[in-house]
Amino acid sequence: MRWYGKLLGFIAGWLLLRHPAGAVIGLLVGHAFDADWLRPKRYDPYAVLGLRDDATDGEVDRAYRQLIAQYHPDRLVGAAEDLRLQAEDKARAINAAYDRIQKLRR
C-alpha cells in the first residue's frame, strides 16, 4: 500500500492553509491519489464479457456467443432505431473485447 501521497498531501495542506484542517484536507487528497481514485480506469475486456481474468477459454467462448446472440443488430430488425443503434454499439464492444482476449491469450 502506498503512503507517500498521504504524507505529501498532509504536509502540503498544512503549509498551504496553515491550519490543521488543511492538513486533513491534504491527507484526504493524498489518499485519493494513493488509492488511484483520480486515474482513469483501464480497459478490461473481461469485464465487457462479464468474466474474471482467470476465465477458461470455454467460458470466454460461451460468454461471447451468449452476448453476441443477445445484442446482434440483426435480431432487432423491427425495433426502434435508437435501440438498434445501442445494440450495434454493444455488439462492437463485445467483438472488440473478444478479439482483445484472443490476442492476449496467444
C-alpha atoms as a PDB file:
ATOM      1  CA  MET A   1       0.000   0.000   0.000  1.00  0.00           C
ATOM      2  CA  ARG A   2       1.347   3.388  -0.935  1.00  0.00           C
ATOM      3  CA  TRP A   3       1.706   6.049   1.727  1.00  0.00           C
ATOM      4  CA  TYR A   4       3.740   8.872   0.204  1.00  0.00           C
ATOM      5  CA  GLY A   5       0.721  10.647  -1.290  1.00  0.00           C
ATOM      6  CA  LYS A   6      -0.850  10.885   2.142  1.00  0.00           C
ATOM      7  CA  LEU A   7       2.340  12.252   3.665  1.00  0.00           C
ATOM      8  CA  LEU A   8       2.913  14.811   0.926  1.00  0.00           C
ATOM      9  CA  GLY A   9      -0.753  15.804   0.981  1.00  0.00           C
ATOM     10  CA  PHE A  10      -0.644  16.253   4.735  1.00  0.00           C
ATOM     11  CA  ILE A  11       2.441  18.474   4.566  1.00  0.00           C
ATOM     12  CA  ALA A  12       1.230  20.482   1.565  1.00  0.00           C
ATOM     13  CA  GLY A  13      -2.214  21.008   3.098  1.00  0.00           C
ATOM     14  CA  TRP A  14      -0.728  22.185   6.369  1.00  0.00           C
ATOM     15  CA  LEU A  15       1.674  24.576   4.643  1.00  0.00           C
ATOM     16  CA  LEU A  16      -0.817  25.969   2.142  1.00  0.00           C
ATOM     17  CA  LEU A  17      -3.701  26.563   4.523  1.00  0.00           C
ATOM     18  CA  ARG A  18      -1.617  26.990   7.693  1.00  0.00           C
ATOM     19  CA  HIS A  19      -4.259  25.230   9.705  1.00  0.00           C
ATOM     20  CA  PRO A  20      -4.785  21.655  10.937  1.00  0.00           C
ATOM     21  CA  ALA A  21      -7.896  21.423   8.756  1.00  0.00           C
ATOM     22  CA  GLY A  22      -5.652  21.992   5.742  1.00  0.00           C
ATOM     23  CA  ALA A  23      -3.584  19.012   6.797  1.00  0.00           C
ATOM     24  CA  VAL A  24      -6.700  16.846   6.946  1.00  0.00           C
ATOM     25  CA  ILE A  25      -7.820  18.021   3.506  1.00  0.00           C
ATOM     26  CA  GLY A  26      -4.326  17.371   2.134  1.00  0.00           C
ATOM     27  CA  LEU A  27      -4.345  13.940   3.736  1.00  0.00           C
ATOM     28  CA  LEU A  28      -7.640  13.108   2.022  1.00  0.00           C
ATOM     29  CA  VAL A  29      -6.381  14.317  -1.361  1.00  0.00           C
ATOM     30  CA  GLY A  30      -3.188  12.300  -0.868  1.00  0.00           C
ATOM     31  CA  HIS A  31      -5.233   9.229  -0.049  1.00  0.00           C
ATOM     32  CA  ALA A  32      -7.248   9.724  -3.246  1.00  0.00           C
ATOM     33  CA  PHE A  33      -4.007   9.716  -5.240  1.00  0.00           C
ATOM     34  CA  ASP A  34      -2.642   6.682  -3.401  1.00  0.00           C
ATOM     35  CA  ALA A  35      -5.867   4.743  -3.956  1.00  0.00           C
ATOM     36  CA  ASP A  36      -5.943   5.643  -7.698  1.00  0.00           C
ATOM     37  CA  TRP A  37      -9.339   7.278  -7.408  1.00  0.00           C
ATOM     38  CA  LEU A  38      -8.279  10.041  -9.769  1.00  0.00           C
ATOM     39  CA  ARG A  39      -6.845   7.850 -12.523  1.00  0.00           C
ATOM     40  CA  PRO A  40      -8.972   6.708 -15.414  1.00  0.00           C
ATOM     41  CA  LYS A  41      -9.910   3.051 -15.318  1.00  0.00           C
ATOM     42  CA  ARG A  42      -8.051   0.613 -17.531  1.00  0.00           C
ATOM     43  CA  TYR A  43      -9.943  -1.057 -20.334  1.00  0.00           C
ATOM     44  CA  ASP A  44     -10.845  -4.545 -19.156  1.00  0.00           C
ATOM     45  CA  PRO A  45     -12.116  -6.808 -21.952  1.00  0.00           C
ATOM     46  CA  TYR A  46     -13.096  -9.469 -19.424  1.00  0.00           C
ATOM     47  CA  ALA A  47     -15.498  -7.047 -17.709  1.00  0.00           C
ATOM     48  CA  VAL A  48     -17.231  -6.377 -21.043  1.00  0.00           C
ATOM     49  CA  LEU A  49     -17.993 -10.085 -21.301  1.00  0.00           C
ATOM     50  CA  GLY A  50     -18.907 -10.305 -17.619  1.00  0.00           C
ATOM     51  CA  LEU A  51     -15.965 -12.542 -16.743  1.00  0.00           C
ATOM     52  CA  ARG A  52     -12.964 -12.551 -14.414  1.00  0.00           C
ATOM     53  CA  ASP A  53      -9.347 -12.632 -15.570  1.00  0.00           C
ATOM     54  CA  ASP A  54      -8.984 -16.320 -14.752  1.00  0.00           C
ATOM     55  CA  ALA A  55     -11.838 -17.481 -17.002  1.00  0.00           C
ATOM     56  CA  THR A  56     -11.144 -20.522 -19.147  1.00  0.00           C
ATOM     57  CA  ASP A  57     -11.229 -20.448 -22.938  1.00  0.00           C
ATOM     58  CA  GLY A  58     -14.543 -22.290 -22.882  1.00  0.00           C
ATOM     59  CA  GLU A  59     -16.089 -19.737 -20.528  1.00  0.00           C
ATOM     60  CA  VAL A  60     -14.863 -16.893 -22.729  1.00  0.00           C
ATOM     61  CA  ASP A  61     -16.319 -18.513 -25.861  1.00  0.00           C
ATOM     62  CA  ARG A  62     -19.614 -19.270 -24.110  1.00  0.00           C
ATOM     63  CA  ALA A  63     -19.978 -15.716 -22.766  1.00  0.00           C
ATOM     64  CA  TYR A  64     -19.115 -14.249 -26.165  1.00  0.00           C
ATOM     65  CA  ARG A  65     -21.651 -16.405 -28.008  1.00  0.00           C
ATOM     66  CA  GLN A  66     -24.375 -15.661 -25.473  1.00  0.00           C
ATOM     67  CA  LEU A  67     -23.828 -11.889 -25.513  1.00  0.00           C
ATOM     68  CA  ILE A  68     -23.404 -11.561 -29.265  1.00  0.00           C
ATOM     69  CA  ALA A  69     -26.609 -13.554 -29.794  1.00  0.00           C
ATOM     70  CA  GLN A  70     -28.409 -11.225 -27.409  1.00  0.00           C
ATOM     71  CA  TYR A  71     -27.110  -7.943 -28.849  1.00  0.00           C
ATOM     72  CA  HIS A  72     -26.657  -8.761 -32.530  1.00  0.00           C
ATOM     73  CA  PRO A  73     -28.324  -5.986 -34.593  1.00  0.00           C
ATOM     74  CA  ASP A  74     -29.954  -8.479 -36.979  1.00  0.00           C
ATOM     75  CA  ARG A  75     -32.125  -9.740 -34.111  1.00  0.00           C
ATOM     76  CA  LEU A  76     -33.583  -6.238 -33.668  1.00  0.00           C
ATOM     77  CA  VAL A  77     -34.729  -5.564 -37.231  1.00  0.00           C
ATOM     78  CA  GLY A  78     -38.199  -4.361 -36.233  1.00  0.00           C
ATOM     79  CA  ALA A  79     -37.081  -2.442 -33.142  1.00  0.00           C
ATOM     80  CA  ALA A  80     -36.793   1.304 -32.747  1.00  0.00           C
ATOM     81  CA  GLU A  81     -33.829   2.975 -34.416  1.00  0.00           C
ATOM     82  CA  ASP A  82     -32.154   4.123 -31.194  1.00  0.00           C
ATOM     83  CA  LEU A  83     -32.455   0.642 -29.670  1.00  0.00           C
ATOM     84  CA  ARG A  84     -30.898  -0.892 -32.771  1.00  0.00           C
ATOM     85  CA  LEU A  85     -28.024   1.628 -32.665  1.00  0.00           C
ATOM     86  CA  GLN A  86     -27.390   0.829 -29.000  1.00  0.00           C
ATOM     87  CA  ALA A  87     -27.303  -2.872 -29.859  1.00  0.00           C
ATOM     88  CA  GLU A  88     -24.791  -2.188 -32.656  1.00  0.00           C
ATOM     89  CA  ASP A  89     -22.539  -0.288 -30.240  1.00  0.00           C
ATOM     90  CA  LYS A  90     -22.774  -3.064 -27.667  1.00  0.00           C
ATOM     91  CA  ALA A  91     -22.052  -5.722 -30.324  1.00  0.00           C
ATOM     92  CA  ARG A  92     -18.976  -3.749 -31.432  1.00  0.00           C
ATOM     93  CA  ALA A  93     -17.754  -3.580 -27.835  1.00  0.00           C
ATOM     94  CA  ILE A  94     -18.340  -7.321 -27.367  1.00  0.00           C
ATOM     95  CA  ASN A  95     -16.452  -8.166 -30.576  1.00  0.00           C
ATOM     96  CA  ALA A  96     -13.556  -5.866 -29.632  1.00  0.00           C
ATOM     97  CA  ALA A  97     -13.331  -7.392 -26.151  1.00  0.00           C
ATOM     98  CA  TYR A  98     -13.366 -10.930 -27.532  1.00  0.00           C
ATOM     99  CA  ASP A  99     -10.677 -10.081 -30.097  1.00  0.00           C
ATOM    100  CA  ARG A 100      -8.546  -8.461 -27.386  1.00  0.00           C
ATOM    101  CA  ILE A 101      -8.835 -11.522 -25.140  1.00  0.00           C
ATOM    102  CA  GLN A 102      -7.889 -13.799 -28.033  1.00  0.00           C
ATOM    103  CA  LYS A 103      -4.801 -11.676 -28.740  1.00  0.00           C
ATOM    104  CA  LEU A 104      -3.811 -11.653 -25.071  1.00  0.00           C
ATOM    105  CA  ARG A 105      -4.058 -15.426 -24.843  1.00  0.00           C
ATOM    106  CA  ARG A 106      -1.874 -16.151 -27.890  1.00  0.00           C
END
